Amino acid sequence: MKHLLWASSVVCIFFMACTGSEKQDVSEEWVQLFNKKDLTGWDIKIAKHALNENFNNTFYVKDSILKVDYSRYAKFDGEFGHLYYKEPFSYYKIRVTYCFTGQQLEGGPGYAYLNSGVMLHSQGAATLGRDQSFPVSLEMQFLASDTARKRTTGNLCTPGTFVSMNKKPVFDHCINSSSQNYSADQWITAEAVVYGDSVIHHIIEGDTVLTYTQPQIGGGFITIAQAWANFGFGADSLNWIQKQNTPLKSGYIALQAESHPLEFSKVELLNLEGCMDKNALNYKPYFVRADNSKCRY
């Protein structure tokens, strides 16, 4: 028994030496943005409607699932919607698990069939014009395949933004990923790794399917007057035009509603910005950007 106690003590001491104290904790502290009960912490903005008017109960939670639902609509008439988390981020990982359901609502545009996404570095919900269809953002686009069409998911679309690839600016509105094709009835885990205005990775089912760098404000969505009219941008259009060609460093996260029903079983985030003082209790070695105002000692 004495030998066993001695061995256990040695193992314990060795483990403490290797792992350190509480301030050396390396576990990732993912935050559940979706509480599986209700929409607490989220703002709703649906085109043609006021901030936080949940028109026709488009967004709701049932049985621990966050639903984008069109069962109360007679027809889609441009009510593009987004659900915005309350807090902006700059350096982070966002992970969602999603699944398309049902049929696209009558009146929905052809491109929105089995189409949704997560907006990264988005403008805030309160800054959108009443009729604005999409926020200035980087969209991690979700597409499902059917028997007629095979499409990649985890693509990039750029309302009011553009990015660089291979050190060259790319102004295409949508850029396809290299993902596999997934059918509408599959639950898919999608992740984006976002490093401010430097580099962003899209990951589908554990595979990195798209990487781009230097996100900036601009592109035709910003500069072409007719585009502003078509998308109902309104009073703050001049503000965005003045910001064109400036880095997009941070923003909000928004879940999209484009006329096809969708479900989310998980929405979680790992903040990569925090205390980087190794002497602090809440230092994390996975942080990549320092905010030492958050340090605890």
C-alpha atoms as a PDB file:
ATOM      1  CA  MET A   1       0.000   0.000   0.000  1.00  0.00           C
ATOM      2  CA  LYS A   2       2.855   2.401   0.881  1.00  0.00           C
ATOM      3  CA  HIS A   3       4.448   1.773  -2.496  1.00  0.00           C
ATOM      4  CA  LEU A   4       1.124   2.443  -4.215  1.00  0.00           C
ATOM      5  CA  LEU A   5       0.620   5.735  -2.344  1.00  0.00           C
ATOM      6  CA  TRP A   6       4.171   6.806  -3.164  1.00  0.00           C
ATOM      7  CA  ALA A   7       3.683   6.017  -6.851  1.00  0.00           C
ATOM      8  CA  SER A   8       0.393   7.896  -6.901  1.00  0.00           C
ATOM      9  CA  SER A   9       2.067  10.936  -5.344  1.00  0.00           C
ATOM     10  CA  VAL A  10       4.829  10.879  -7.930  1.00  0.00           C
ATOM     11  CA  VAL A  11       2.295  10.650 -10.757  1.00  0.00           C
ATOM     12  CA  CYS A  12       0.302  13.515  -9.234  1.00  0.00           C
ATOM     13  CA  ILE A  13       3.394  15.719  -8.856  1.00  0.00           C
ATOM     14  CA  PHE A  14       4.499  14.912 -12.395  1.00  0.00           C
ATOM     15  CA  PHE A  15       1.038  15.731 -13.753  1.00  0.00           C
ATOM     16  CA  MET A  16       0.980  19.080 -11.918  1.00  0.00           C
ATOM     17  CA  ALA A  17       4.433  19.945 -13.221  1.00  0.00           C
ATOM     18  CA  CYS A  18       3.422  19.205 -16.783  1.00  0.00           C
ATOM     19  CA  THR A  19       0.038  20.843 -16.766  1.00  0.00           C
ATOM     20  CA  GLY A  20       0.686  23.709 -14.382  1.00  0.00           C
ATOM     21  CA  SER A  21      -1.815  25.438 -12.141  1.00  0.00           C
ATOM     22  CA  GLU A  22      -5.232  26.854 -12.999  1.00  0.00           C
ATOM     23  CA  LYS A  23      -3.664  29.710 -14.935  1.00  0.00           C
ATOM     24  CA  GLN A  24      -2.038  27.179 -17.289  1.00  0.00           C
ATOM     25  CA  ASP A  25      -5.381  25.569 -18.184  1.00  0.00           C
ATOM     26  CA  VAL A  26      -5.330  24.768 -21.908  1.00  0.00           C
ATOM     27  CA  SER A  27      -8.937  23.622 -22.249  1.00  0.00           C
ATOM     28  CA  GLU A  28     -10.917  25.502 -24.853  1.00  0.00           C
ATOM     29  CA  GLU A  29     -13.750  27.550 -23.391  1.00  0.00           C
ATOM     30  CA  TRP A  30     -16.427  27.377 -26.063  1.00  0.00           C
ATOM     31  CA  VAL A  31     -19.433  29.606 -25.408  1.00  0.00           C
ATOM     32  CA  GLN A  32     -22.878  28.332 -26.363  1.00  0.00           C
ATOM     33  CA  LEU A  33     -24.460  31.296 -28.173  1.00  0.00           C
ATOM     34  CA  PHE A  34     -27.737  29.408 -28.488  1.00  0.00           C
ATOM     35  CA  ASN A  35     -29.196  28.364 -25.118  1.00  0.00           C
ATOM     36  CA  LYS A  36     -31.598  25.763 -26.630  1.00  0.00           C
ATOM     37  CA  LYS A  37     -34.549  27.439 -24.855  1.00  0.00           C
ATOM     38  CA  ASP A  38     -35.259  30.766 -26.545  1.00  0.00           C
ATOM     39  CA  LEU A  39     -33.695  33.620 -28.529  1.00  0.00           C
ATOM     40  CA  THR A  40     -32.154  35.411 -25.562  1.00  0.00           C
ATOM     41  CA  GLY A  41     -29.018  37.258 -26.652  1.00  0.00           C
ATOM     42  CA  TRP A  42     -30.077  37.581 -30.279  1.00  0.00           C
ATOM     43  CA  ASP A  43     -31.556  40.425 -32.362  1.00  0.00           C
ATOM     44  CA  ILE A  44     -33.888  39.851 -35.298  1.00  0.00           C
ATOM     45  CA  LYS A  45     -33.886  41.941 -38.459  1.00  0.00           C
ATOM     46  CA  ILE A  46     -36.185  40.962 -41.308  1.00  0.00           C
ATOM     47  CA  ALA A  47     -36.323  43.109 -44.444  1.00  0.00           C
ATOM     48  CA  LYS A  48     -39.437  45.355 -44.595  1.00  0.00           C
ATOM     49  CA  HIS A  49     -39.878  45.079 -40.836  1.00  0.00           C
ATOM     50  CA  ALA A  50     -38.611  46.859 -37.762  1.00  0.00           C
ATOM     51  CA  LEU A  51     -35.726  45.683 -35.606  1.00  0.00           C
ATOM     52  CA  ASN A  52     -36.749  42.695 -33.459  1.00  0.00           C
ATOM     53  CA  GLU A  53     -40.106  42.270 -35.178  1.00  0.00           C
ATOM     54  CA  ASN A  54     -40.176  38.505 -35.622  1.00  0.00           C
ATOM     55  CA  PHE A  55     -42.470  38.596 -38.642  1.00  0.00           C
ATOM     56  CA  ASN A  56     -44.616  35.442 -38.918  1.00  0.00           C
ATOM     57  CA  ASN A  57     -42.504  33.855 -36.183  1.00  0.00           C
ATOM     58  CA  THR A  58     -39.709  33.200 -38.677  1.00  0.00           C
ATOM     59  CA  PHE A  59     -37.201  32.401 -35.920  1.00  0.00           C
ATOM     60  CA  TYR A  60     -38.062  30.329 -32.856  1.00  0.00           C
ATOM     61  CA  VAL A  61     -36.847  27.502 -30.630  1.00  0.00           C
ATOM     62  CA  LYS A  62     -38.607  24.165 -30.232  1.00  0.00           C
ATOM     63  CA  ASP A  63     -37.327  20.940 -28.686  1.00  0.00           C
ATOM     64  CA  SER A  64     -33.847  22.489 -28.254  1.00  0.00           C
ATOM     65  CA  ILE A  65     -33.625  23.269 -31.984  1.00  0.00           C
ATOM     66  CA  LEU A  66     -33.353  26.790 -33.402  1.00  0.00           C
ATOM     67  CA  LYS A  67     -35.691  26.908 -36.381  1.00  0.00           C
ATOM     68  CA  VAL A  68     -35.969  29.106 -39.465  1.00  0.00           C
ATOM     69  CA  ASP A  69     -39.584  28.447 -40.378  1.00  0.00           C
ATOM     70  CA  TYR A  70     -41.972  29.700 -43.070  1.00  0.00           C
ATOM     71  CA  SER A  71     -45.125  27.796 -42.154  1.00  0.00           C
ATOM     72  CA  ARG A  72     -46.993  31.042 -41.348  1.00  0.00           C
ATOM     73  CA  TYR A  73     -46.141  32.690 -44.676  1.00  0.00           C
ATOM     74  CA  ALA A  74     -48.511  32.637 -47.632  1.00  0.00           C
ATOM     75  CA  LYS A  75     -45.716  33.632 -50.015  1.00  0.00           C
ATOM     76  CA  PHE A  76     -42.189  34.989 -49.821  1.00  0.00           C
ATOM     77  CA  ASP A  77     -42.016  38.670 -50.755  1.00  0.00           C
ATOM     78  CA  GLY A  78     -38.432  39.690 -50.117  1.00  0.00           C
ATOM     79  CA  GLU A  79     -38.493  39.178 -46.345  1.00  0.00           C
ATOM     80  CA  PHE A  80     -34.839  38.171 -46.123  1.00  0.00           C
ATOM     81  CA  GLY A  81     -34.027  37.738 -42.447  1.00  0.00           C
ATOM     82  CA  HIS A  82     -31.039  37.464 -40.146  1.00  0.00           C
ATOM     83  CA  LEU A  83     -30.650  36.587 -36.486  1.00  0.00           C
ATOM     84  CA  TYR A  84     -27.735  38.540 -34.935  1.00  0.00           C
ATOM     85  CA  TYR A  85     -25.822  37.614 -31.808  1.00  0.00           C
ATOM     86  CA  LYS A  86     -25.649  40.587 -29.443  1.00  0.00           C
ATOM     87  CA  GLU A  87     -21.847  40.875 -29.219  1.00  0.00           C
ATOM     88  CA  PRO A  88     -19.263  41.582 -31.965  1.00  0.00           C
ATOM     89  CA  PHE A  89     -16.037  39.597 -32.297  1.00  0.00           C
ATOM     90  CA  SER A  90     -12.782  39.910 -34.188  1.00  0.00           C
ATOM     91  CA  TYR A  91     -10.632  36.809 -33.574  1.00  0.00           C
ATOM     92  CA  TYR A  92     -12.707  33.693 -33.011  1.00  0.00           C
ATOM     93  CA  LYS A  93     -13.956  30.294 -34.097  1.00  0.00           C
ATOM     94  CA  ILE A  94     -17.660  29.873 -34.817  1.00  0.00           C
ATOM     95  CA  ARG A  95     -19.165  26.389 -35.107  1.00  0.00           C
ATOM     96  CA  VAL A  96     -22.726  25.515 -36.102  1.00  0.00           C
ATOM     97  CA  THR A  97     -24.570  22.315 -36.866  1.00  0.00           C
ATOM     98  CA  TYR A  98     -27.358  22.793 -39.405  1.00  0.00           C
ATOM     99  CA  CYS A  99     -29.843  20.863 -41.515  1.00  0.00           C
ATOM    100  CA  PHE A 100     -32.217  21.979 -44.274  1.00  0.00           C
ATOM    101  CA  THR A 101     -35.839  20.913 -43.859  1.00  0.00           C
ATOM    102  CA  GLY A 102     -39.058  20.976 -45.859  1.00  0.00           C
ATOM    103  CA  GLN A 103     -39.661  22.875 -49.068  1.00  0.00           C
ATOM    104  CA  GLN A 104     -38.649  26.356 -50.153  1.00  0.00           C
ATOM    105  CA  LEU A 105     -41.422  28.903 -49.692  1.00  0.00           C
ATOM    106  CA  GLU A 106     -43.267  29.925 -52.844  1.00  0.00           C
ATOM    107  CA  GLY A 107     -41.901  33.205 -54.145  1.00  0.00           C
ATOM    108  CA  GLY A 108     -38.367  32.587 -52.896  1.00  0.00           C
ATOM    109  CA  PRO A 109     -35.659  33.318 -55.481  1.00  0.00           C
ATOM    110  CA  GLY A 110     -34.179  30.400 -57.367  1.00  0.00           C
ATOM    111  CA  TYR A 111     -30.718  30.922 -55.933  1.00  0.00           C
ATOM    112  CA  ALA A 112     -32.123  30.627 -52.390  1.00  0.00           C
ATOM    113  CA  TYR A 113     -33.240  27.006 -52.891  1.00  0.00           C
ATOM    114  CA  LEU A 114     -31.529  24.891 -50.204  1.00  0.00           C
ATOM    115  CA  ASN A 115     -29.466  27.980 -49.422  1.00  0.00           C
ATOM    116  CA  SER A 116     -28.613  29.689 -46.138  1.00  0.00           C
ATOM    117  CA  GLY A 117     -25.520  30.705 -44.215  1.00  0.00           C
ATOM    118  CA  VAL A 118     -23.754  32.411 -41.350  1.00  0.00           C
ATOM    119  CA  MET A 119     -22.701  36.032 -41.746  1.00  0.00           C
ATOM    120  CA  LEU A 120     -19.234  36.804 -40.356  1.00  0.00           C
ATOM    121  CA  HIS A 121     -17.911  40.282 -39.466  1.00  0.00           C
ATOM    122  CA  SER A 122     -21.422  41.583 -40.120  1.00  0.00           C
ATOM    123  CA  GLN A 123     -22.728  45.076 -39.529  1.00  0.00           C
ATOM    124  CA  GLY A 124     -24.996  45.201 -36.475  1.00  0.00           C
ATOM    125  CA  ALA A 125     -28.723  44.550 -36.700  1.00  0.00           C
ATOM    126  CA  ALA A 126     -29.594  48.063 -35.513  1.00  0.00           C
ATOM    127  CA  THR A 127     -27.627  49.654 -38.369  1.00  0.00           C
ATOM    128  CA  LEU A 128     -29.582  48.035 -41.205  1.00  0.00           C
ATOM    129  CA  GLY A 129     -32.102  50.045 -43.174  1.00  0.00           C
ATOM    130  CA  ARG A 130     -35.709  48.934 -42.803  1.00  0.00           C
ATOM    131  CA  ASP A 131     -35.806  47.357 -46.279  1.00  0.00           C
ATOM    132  CA  GLN A 132     -32.190  46.180 -46.395  1.00  0.00           C
ATOM    133  CA  SER A 133     -32.014  42.566 -47.547  1.00  0.00           C
ATOM    134  CA  PHE A 134     -28.490  41.626 -46.497  1.00  0.00           C
ATOM    135  CA  PRO A 135     -25.940  43.101 -44.086  1.00  0.00           C
ATOM    136  CA  VAL A 136     -22.476  44.169 -45.188  1.00  0.00           C
ATOM    137  CA  SER A 137     -20.625  41.012 -44.169  1.00  0.00           C
ATOM    138  CA  LEU A 138     -18.785  37.864 -45.197  1.00  0.00           C
ATOM    139  CA  GLU A 139     -21.262  35.042 -45.711  1.00  0.00           C
ATOM    140  CA  MET A 140     -20.211  31.476 -45.049  1.00  0.00           C
ATOM    141  CA  GLN A 141     -22.788  30.065 -47.432  1.00  0.00           C
ATOM    142  CA  PHE A 142     -24.552  26.750 -46.884  1.00  0.00           C
ATOM    143  CA  LEU A 143     -25.907  24.876 -49.895  1.00  0.00           C
ATOM    144  CA  ALA A 144     -27.397  21.390 -50.042  1.00  0.00           C
ATOM    145  CA  SER A 145     -27.467  19.083 -53.051  1.00  0.00           C
ATOM    146  CA  ASP A 146     -30.350  17.111 -54.542  1.00  0.00           C
ATOM    147  CA  THR A 147     -30.699  14.562 -57.353  1.00  0.00           C
ATOM    148  CA  ALA A 148     -30.604  17.321 -59.970  1.00  0.00           C
ATOM    149  CA  ARG A 149     -27.847  19.562 -58.571  1.00  0.00           C
ATOM    150  CA  LYS A 150     -24.578  18.814 -56.826  1.00  0.00           C
ATOM    151  CA  ARG A 151     -23.256  21.837 -54.963  1.00  0.00           C
ATOM    152  CA  THR A 152     -20.493  22.553 -52.497  1.00  0.00           C
ATOM    153  CA  THR A 153     -21.165  24.094 -49.103  1.00  0.00           C
ATOM    154  CA  GLY A 154     -19.071  26.367 -46.918  1.00  0.00           C
ATOM    155  CA  ASN A 155     -18.732  28.752 -49.842  1.00  0.00           C
ATOM    156  CA  LEU A 156     -18.106  32.503 -49.535  1.00  0.00           C
ATOM    157  CA  CYS A 157     -20.467  35.270 -50.630  1.00  0.00           C
ATOM    158  CA  THR A 158     -19.563  38.920 -50.177  1.00  0.00           C
ATOM    159  CA  PRO A 159     -22.380  41.470 -49.734  1.00  0.00           C
ATOM    160  CA  GLY A 160     -20.550  44.803 -49.499  1.00  0.00           C
ATOM    161  CA  THR A 161     -17.144  43.176 -49.128  1.00  0.00           C
ATOM    162  CA  PHE A 162     -14.298  41.578 -51.054  1.00  0.00           C
ATOM    163  CA  VAL A 163     -11.315  39.428 -50.131  1.00  0.00           C
ATOM    164  CA  SER A 164      -7.935  38.349 -51.433  1.00  0.00           C
ATOM    165  CA  MET A 165      -6.823  34.900 -52.537  1.00  0.00           C
ATOM    166  CA  ASN A 166      -3.291  34.036 -53.624  1.00  0.00           C
ATOM    167  CA  LYS A 167      -2.343  37.626 -52.708  1.00  0.00           C
ATOM    168  CA  LYS A 168      -4.767  39.107 -55.276  1.00  0.00           C
ATOM    169  CA  PRO A 169      -8.115  40.849 -54.667  1.00  0.00           C
ATOM    170  CA  VAL A 170     -11.141  38.793 -55.703  1.00  0.00           C
ATOM    171  CA  PHE A 171     -14.373  40.637 -56.491  1.00  0.00           C
ATOM    172  CA  ASP A 172     -16.565  37.622 -57.339  1.00  0.00           C
ATOM    173  CA  HIS A 173     -19.742  37.807 -55.301  1.00  0.00           C
ATOM    174  CA  CYS A 174     -19.638  34.083 -54.481  1.00  0.00           C
ATOM    175  CA  ILE A 175     -16.625  31.763 -54.376  1.00  0.00           C
ATOM    176  CA  ASN A 176     -17.115  28.012 -54.232  1.00  0.00           C
ATOM    177  CA  SER A 177     -15.379  25.841 -51.664  1.00  0.00           C
ATOM    178  CA  SER A 178     -13.835  22.425 -52.234  1.00  0.00           C
ATOM    179  CA  SER A 179     -16.310  20.605 -49.982  1.00  0.00           C
ATOM    180  CA  GLN A 180     -18.096  17.363 -50.660  1.00  0.00           C
ATOM    181  CA  ASN A 181     -21.753  17.397 -51.680  1.00  0.00           C
ATOM    182  CA  TYR A 182     -24.272  16.948 -48.873  1.00  0.00           C
ATOM    183  CA  SER A 183     -27.977  16.241 -49.192  1.00  0.00           C
ATOM    184  CA  ALA A 184     -30.688  18.309 -47.554  1.00  0.00           C
ATOM    185  CA  ASP A 185     -31.536  15.744 -44.898  1.00  0.00           C
ATOM    186  CA  GLN A 186     -28.034  15.646 -43.388  1.00  0.00           C
ATOM    187  CA  TRP A 187     -26.873  17.409 -40.250  1.00  0.00           C
ATOM    188  CA  ILE A 188     -23.661  19.238 -41.178  1.00  0.00           C
ATOM    189  CA  THR A 189     -21.095  20.777 -38.836  1.00  0.00           C
ATOM    190  CA  ALA A 190     -19.563  23.956 -40.252  1.00  0.00           C
ATOM    191  CA  GLU A 191     -16.830  26.015 -38.651  1.00  0.00           C
ATOM    192  CA  ALA A 192     -15.129  29.291 -39.509  1.00  0.00           C
ATOM    193  CA  VAL A 193     -11.780  30.272 -38.045  1.00  0.00           C
ATOM    194  CA  VAL A 194     -11.543  34.060 -38.181  1.00  0.00           C
ATOM    195  CA  TYR A 195      -8.371  36.046 -37.527  1.00  0.00           C
ATOM    196  CA  GLY A 196      -9.531  39.649 -37.730  1.00  0.00           C
ATOM    197  CA  ASP A 197      -8.700  41.137 -41.131  1.00  0.00           C
ATOM    198  CA  SER A 198      -5.833  38.725 -41.845  1.00  0.00           C
ATOM    199  CA  VAL A 199      -7.014  35.209 -42.711  1.00  0.00           C
ATOM    200  CA  ILE A 200     -10.283  33.239 -42.511  1.00  0.00           C
ATOM    201  CA  HIS A 201     -10.787  29.491 -42.962  1.00  0.00           C
ATOM    202  CA  HIS A 202     -14.053  27.658 -43.710  1.00  0.00           C
ATOM    203  CA  ILE A 203     -14.215  24.097 -42.365  1.00  0.00           C
ATOM    204  CA  ILE A 204     -16.900  21.528 -43.213  1.00  0.00           C
ATOM    205  CA  GLU A 205     -17.082  18.255 -41.286  1.00  0.00           C
ATOM    206  CA  GLY A 206     -13.475  18.721 -40.165  1.00  0.00           C
ATOM    207  CA  ASP A 207     -12.041  19.542 -43.603  1.00  0.00           C
ATOM    208  CA  THR A 208     -10.735  23.013 -44.497  1.00  0.00           C
ATOM    209  CA  VAL A 209     -12.566  23.782 -47.732  1.00  0.00           C
ATOM    210  CA  LEU A 210     -11.828  27.476 -48.318  1.00  0.00           C
ATOM    211  CA  THR A 211      -9.252  30.029 -47.163  1.00  0.00           C
ATOM    212  CA  TYR A 212      -9.080  33.729 -47.951  1.00  0.00           C
ATOM    213  CA  THR A 213      -7.311  36.796 -46.602  1.00  0.00           C
ATOM    214  CA  GLN A 214      -7.593  40.571 -46.140  1.00  0.00           C
ATOM    215  CA  PRO A 215     -11.379  41.060 -46.036  1.00  0.00           C
ATOM    216  CA  GLN A 216     -12.304  44.624 -46.938  1.00  0.00           C
ATOM    217  CA  ILE A 217     -15.392  46.784 -47.367  1.00  0.00           C
ATOM    218  CA  GLY A 218     -16.248  47.400 -51.005  1.00  0.00           C
ATOM    219  CA  GLY A 219     -17.228  45.737 -54.247  1.00  0.00           C
ATOM    220  CA  GLY A 220     -20.242  46.358 -56.448  1.00  0.00           C
ATOM    221  CA  PHE A 221     -22.671  45.931 -53.560  1.00  0.00           C
ATOM    222  CA  ILE A 222     -21.191  49.131 -52.111  1.00  0.00           C
ATOM    223  CA  THR A 223     -20.209  51.239 -55.096  1.00  0.00           C
ATOM    224  CA  ILE A 224     -22.924  50.722 -57.706  1.00  0.00           C
ATOM    225  CA  ALA A 225     -25.866  53.005 -57.018  1.00  0.00           C
ATOM    226  CA  GLN A 226     -28.344  50.619 -58.623  1.00  0.00           C
ATOM    227  CA  ALA A 227     -27.200  47.852 -56.293  1.00  0.00           C
ATOM    228  CA  TRP A 228     -28.104  50.001 -53.314  1.00  0.00           C
ATOM    229  CA  ALA A 229     -31.556  50.567 -54.802  1.00  0.00           C
ATOM    230  CA  ASN A 230     -32.064  46.888 -55.589  1.00  0.00           C
ATOM    231  CA  PHE A 231     -31.113  45.743 -52.115  1.00  0.00           C
ATOM    232  CA  GLY A 232     -32.937  48.540 -50.316  1.00  0.00           C
ATOM    233  CA  PHE A 233     -29.913  49.909 -48.527  1.00  0.00           C
ATOM    234  CA  GLY A 234     -31.088  53.445 -47.782  1.00  0.00           C
ATOM    235  CA  ALA A 235     -29.814  56.092 -45.420  1.00  0.00           C
ATOM    236  CA  ASP A 236     -26.382  54.761 -44.473  1.00  0.00           C
ATOM    237  CA  SER A 237     -25.244  53.957 -48.026  1.00  0.00           C
ATOM    238  CA  LEU A 238     -22.951  57.002 -48.132  1.00  0.00           C
ATOM    239  CA  ASN A 239     -21.350  55.844 -44.898  1.00  0.00           C
ATOM    240  CA  TRP A 240     -20.402  52.487 -46.465  1.00  0.00           C
ATOM    241  CA  ILE A 241     -19.209  54.113 -49.703  1.00  0.00           C
ATOM    242  CA  GLN A 242     -16.850  56.265 -47.655  1.00  0.00           C
ATOM    243  CA  LYS A 243     -15.506  53.129 -45.956  1.00  0.00           C
ATOM    244  CA  GLN A 244     -14.768  51.206 -49.150  1.00  0.00           C
ATOM    245  CA  ASN A 245     -11.302  49.641 -49.438  1.00  0.00           C
ATOM    246  CA  THR A 246     -10.842  49.720 -45.663  1.00  0.00           C
ATOM    247  CA  PRO A 247     -10.112  46.515 -43.717  1.00  0.00           C
ATOM    248  CA  LEU A 248     -13.030  44.592 -42.226  1.00  0.00           C
ATOM    249  CA  LYS A 249     -11.573  43.721 -38.834  1.00  0.00           C
ATOM    250  CA  SER A 250     -14.558  42.660 -36.752  1.00  0.00           C
ATOM    251  CA  GLY A 251     -18.322  42.451 -36.612  1.00  0.00           C
ATOM    252  CA  TYR A 252     -21.363  40.485 -35.594  1.00  0.00           C
ATOM    253  CA  ILE A 253     -22.397  36.890 -36.296  1.00  0.00           C
ATOM    254  CA  ALA A 254     -25.782  36.373 -37.958  1.00  0.00           C
ATOM    255  CA  LEU A 255     -27.775  33.303 -38.984  1.00  0.00           C
ATOM    256  CA  GLN A 256     -29.538  33.668 -42.303  1.00  0.00           C
ATOM    257  CA  ALA A 257     -33.133  33.128 -43.464  1.00  0.00           C
ATOM    258  CA  GLU A 258     -33.463  33.237 -47.267  1.00  0.00           C
ATOM    259  CA  SER A 259     -36.823  31.471 -47.902  1.00  0.00           C
ATOM    260  CA  HIS A 260     -35.801  27.827 -47.340  1.00  0.00           C
ATOM    261  CA  PRO A 261     -36.541  26.356 -43.877  1.00  0.00           C
ATOM    262  CA  LEU A 262     -33.526  25.390 -41.831  1.00  0.00           C
ATOM    263  CA  GLU A 263     -32.643  24.124 -38.373  1.00  0.00           C
ATOM    264  CA  PHE A 264     -29.644  24.658 -36.089  1.00  0.00           C
ATOM    265  CA  SER A 265     -28.893  22.237 -33.274  1.00  0.00           C
ATOM    266  CA  LYS A 266     -25.747  24.017 -32.116  1.00  0.00           C
ATOM    267  CA  VAL A 267     -24.243  27.500 -32.342  1.00  0.00           C
ATOM    268  CA  GLU A 268     -21.042  27.931 -30.349  1.00  0.00           C
ATOM    269  CA  LEU A 269     -18.052  30.257 -30.315  1.00  0.00           C
ATOM    270  CA  LEU A 270     -14.464  30.154 -29.097  1.00  0.00           C
ATOM    271  CA  ASN A 271     -13.070  33.630 -28.557  1.00  0.00           C
ATOM    272  CA  LEU A 272      -9.428  33.786 -29.640  1.00  0.00           C
ATOM    273  CA  GLU A 273      -8.904  37.236 -28.131  1.00  0.00           C
ATOM    274  CA  GLY A 274      -8.215  37.540 -24.409  1.00  0.00           C
ATOM    275  CA  CYS A 275      -5.656  37.679 -21.631  1.00  0.00           C
ATOM    276  CA  MET A 276      -2.198  36.700 -22.893  1.00  0.00           C
ATOM    277  CA  ASP A 277      -0.298  37.399 -19.679  1.00  0.00           C
ATOM    278  CA  LYS A 278       0.976  33.992 -18.579  1.00  0.00           C
ATOM    279  CA  ASN A 279       0.887  35.122 -14.962  1.00  0.00           C
ATOM    280  CA  ALA A 280      -2.869  35.644 -15.076  1.00  0.00           C
ATOM    281  CA  LEU A 281      -5.412  33.089 -13.885  1.00  0.00           C
ATOM    282  CA  ASN A 282      -7.361  33.246 -17.147  1.00  0.00           C
ATOM    283  CA  TYR A 283      -4.438  33.067 -19.572  1.00  0.00           C
ATOM    284  CA  LYS A 284      -5.108  30.701 -22.451  1.00  0.00           C
ATOM    285  CA  PRO A 285      -2.343  29.527 -24.796  1.00  0.00           C
ATOM    286  CA  TYR A 286      -4.768  29.375 -27.743  1.00  0.00           C
ATOM    287  CA  PHE A 287      -5.440  33.130 -27.682  1.00  0.00           C
ATOM    288  CA  VAL A 288      -3.948  34.802 -30.754  1.00  0.00           C
ATOM    289  CA  ARG A 289      -4.767  38.433 -29.971  1.00  0.00           C
ATOM    290  CA  ALA A 290      -4.145  40.108 -26.618  1.00  0.00           C
ATOM    291  CA  ASP A 291      -6.748  41.958 -24.597  1.00  0.00           C
ATOM    292  CA  ASN A 292      -5.033  42.160 -21.241  1.00  0.00           C
ATOM    293  CA  SER A 293      -7.787  44.352 -19.835  1.00  0.00           C
ATOM    294  CA  LYS A 294      -9.552  41.031 -19.265  1.00  0.00           C
ATOM    295  CA  CYS A 295      -6.747  39.512 -17.162  1.00  0.00           C
ATOM    296  CA  ARG A 296      -7.591  38.170 -13.716  1.00  0.00           C
ATOM    297  CA  TYR A 297      -4.926  37.680 -11.031  1.00  0.00           C
END
